[in-house]
Amino acid sequence: MRPRSLFVPAVAVSALALIPLAYIVLITLQTGLATFVALTFRPRVLELLINTLALLALAIPACAVVGVGAAWLVERTNLNRRSRRW
């Protein structure tokens, strides 16, 4: 059973994540498809897309290595709760 208390925050976060897409659709409807195409398919947009893909190509393997390493260390060590002093 899913916790119902998480439904409202999940919908709120999803709605916030859709704001940029809604803005693009609204501006496209106001200015027309030709303006949208002219602004979207510029050399600068291609450069930004390449930079984003390069960042993804570096960040995803790095996060996987750190995450798997941390999981392996947690699994292989004895974390006794009584011995920790917080």
Protein backbone atom coordinates (compact mmCIF):
# COMPACT_ATOMS: atom_id res chain seq x y z
CA MET A 1 0.00 0.00 0.00
CA ARG A 2 1.34 3.41 -0.92
CA PRO A 3 1.43 6.12 1.72
CA ARG A 4 -1.24 8.67 0.91
CA SER A 5 0.69 11.41 2.67
CA LEU A 6 3.22 11.41 -0.18
CA PHE A 7 0.63 12.01 -2.91
CA VAL A 8 0.34 15.79 -2.49
CA PRO A 9 4.11 16.46 -2.37
CA ALA A 10 4.64 14.18 -5.37
CA VAL A 11 2.03 16.05 -7.41
CA ALA A 12 3.52 19.40 -6.34
CA VAL A 13 7.04 18.40 -7.38
CA SER A 14 5.75 17.01 -10.67
CA ALA A 15 3.86 20.23 -11.39
CA LEU A 16 6.95 22.31 -10.64
CA ALA A 17 9.04 20.14 -12.95
CA LEU A 18 6.55 20.74 -15.79
CA ILE A 19 6.71 24.55 -15.56
CA PRO A 20 9.53 24.94 -18.15
CA LEU A 21 7.72 22.71 -20.64
CA ALA A 22 4.47 24.64 -20.13
CA TYR A 23 6.36 27.91 -20.68
CA ILE A 24 7.80 26.66 -23.97
CA VAL A 25 4.39 25.51 -25.17
CA LEU A 26 2.81 28.85 -24.18
CA ILE A 27 5.49 30.92 -25.94
CA THR A 28 5.21 28.69 -29.03
CA LEU A 29 1.45 29.23 -29.15
CA GLN A 30 1.92 33.01 -28.81
CA THR A 31 4.74 33.49 -31.31
CA GLY A 32 4.10 30.72 -33.80
CA LEU A 33 5.88 27.57 -34.82
CA ALA A 34 8.33 29.35 -37.16
CA THR A 35 9.76 31.43 -34.31
CA PHE A 36 10.02 28.36 -32.11
CA VAL A 37 11.94 26.45 -34.79
CA ALA A 38 14.20 29.44 -35.47
CA LEU A 39 15.06 29.81 -31.77
CA THR A 40 15.40 26.10 -31.05
CA PHE A 41 17.64 25.05 -33.93
CA ARG A 42 20.45 27.59 -33.46
CA PRO A 43 24.17 26.75 -33.21
CA ARG A 44 24.24 27.83 -29.56
CA VAL A 45 21.50 25.35 -28.65
CA LEU A 46 23.48 22.56 -30.31
CA GLU A 47 26.58 23.60 -28.34
CA LEU A 48 24.63 23.53 -25.07
CA LEU A 49 23.17 20.12 -25.95
CA ILE A 50 26.65 18.72 -26.60
CA ASN A 51 27.89 20.13 -23.28
CA THR A 52 24.95 18.56 -21.47
CA LEU A 53 25.55 15.17 -23.07
CA ALA A 54 29.26 15.36 -22.20
CA LEU A 55 28.37 16.15 -18.60
CA LEU A 56 26.02 13.16 -18.52
CA ALA A 57 28.69 10.90 -20.01
CA LEU A 58 31.08 11.86 -17.20
CA ALA A 59 28.69 12.17 -14.26
CA ILE A 60 26.74 8.92 -14.65
CA PRO A 61 29.78 6.59 -14.54
CA ALA A 62 31.32 8.62 -11.71
CA CYS A 63 28.12 8.36 -9.65
CA ALA A 64 27.89 4.65 -10.39
CA VAL A 65 31.46 4.05 -9.22
CA VAL A 66 30.98 6.07 -6.02
CA GLY A 67 27.57 4.49 -5.32
CA VAL A 68 28.69 0.91 -5.90
CA GLY A 69 31.86 1.51 -3.89
CA ALA A 70 29.91 2.97 -0.97
CA ALA A 71 27.38 0.12 -1.09
CA TRP A 72 30.19 -2.43 -1.14
CA LEU A 73 31.89 -0.78 1.86
CA VAL A 74 28.64 -0.65 3.83
CA GLU A 75 27.92 -4.30 3.04
CA ARG A 76 31.44 -5.48 3.94
CA THR A 77 31.82 -3.62 7.24
CA ASN A 78 30.22 -4.19 10.60
CA LEU A 79 28.25 -1.10 11.55
CA ASN A 80 27.34 -1.77 15.14
CA ARG A 81 24.90 0.88 16.34
CA ARG A 82 25.97 0.60 19.98
CA SER A 83 29.56 1.49 19.22
CA ARG A 84 28.72 4.83 17.60
CA ARG A 85 28.69 7.90 19.82
CA TRP A 86 26.71 10.72 18.29
